[in-house]
Amino acid sequence: MFYFAFKYFKEFADIFTKINKRLQIAFPGLTKQEKKQRKKAANHFLTQEAPILARKKKYSLLLIILFLPVFGIGVFYYFPISDTSLNALPYFGFAFILLGIALVLQEKNRIEESIIWQRYLLDHPQNQLKVLFLPKELSAAFLQNIRKRMILTFITGIFFLIHPLLLKLGLLFV
């Protein structure tokens, strides 16, 4: 399982490297300040154009950033590492399933966002926000990677949920 996690996250990093290279080619000489302003203007445009999408993005981000670390700290507080730490595995399974749900939301948000940016580029050919529209291959690879990570987190979550049951039935050994 660790092999697949490493493989998918490396693939994700490679996709982002390709996106950054395309950005450098399309808009050479952008400073960090200009990139920051560009990102801020793009987020403002998305909020104006699709407030529901902006809200959904915030909620999925809040799910990942706020809930999961608090959840993890709570599990370690109530179930310290000991012989009974196997009791905490279902909670980790629940956390992984929540992470998978956040990835499902991320995939849907990316598709909606892509449609909005396509519309923007058609309506604003001068491209004042300096939006970089990705080729279909790179966009498809990005969404495929999200799906792979989503499936991996669901499988990990299900394994953590059923692990104590498999131990009790004698089908799995520690």
Foldseek 3Di string as FASTA:
>chain_A
DVVLVVVLVVLLVVLVVVVVVVLCVLDPPQDPVNVVVLVVVLLVVCCVVPVPLNVLLVVLVCLPPPVLVVLVVVLCVVQPPDPPNLVSLLSLLVSLLSNLVSLVSVLVSVVVVLVVVVVVCVVCVVPPSSDDRDPPVSVVSNSVSSVSSSVVSNVSSVCSNCVVVCVVVVVDDD
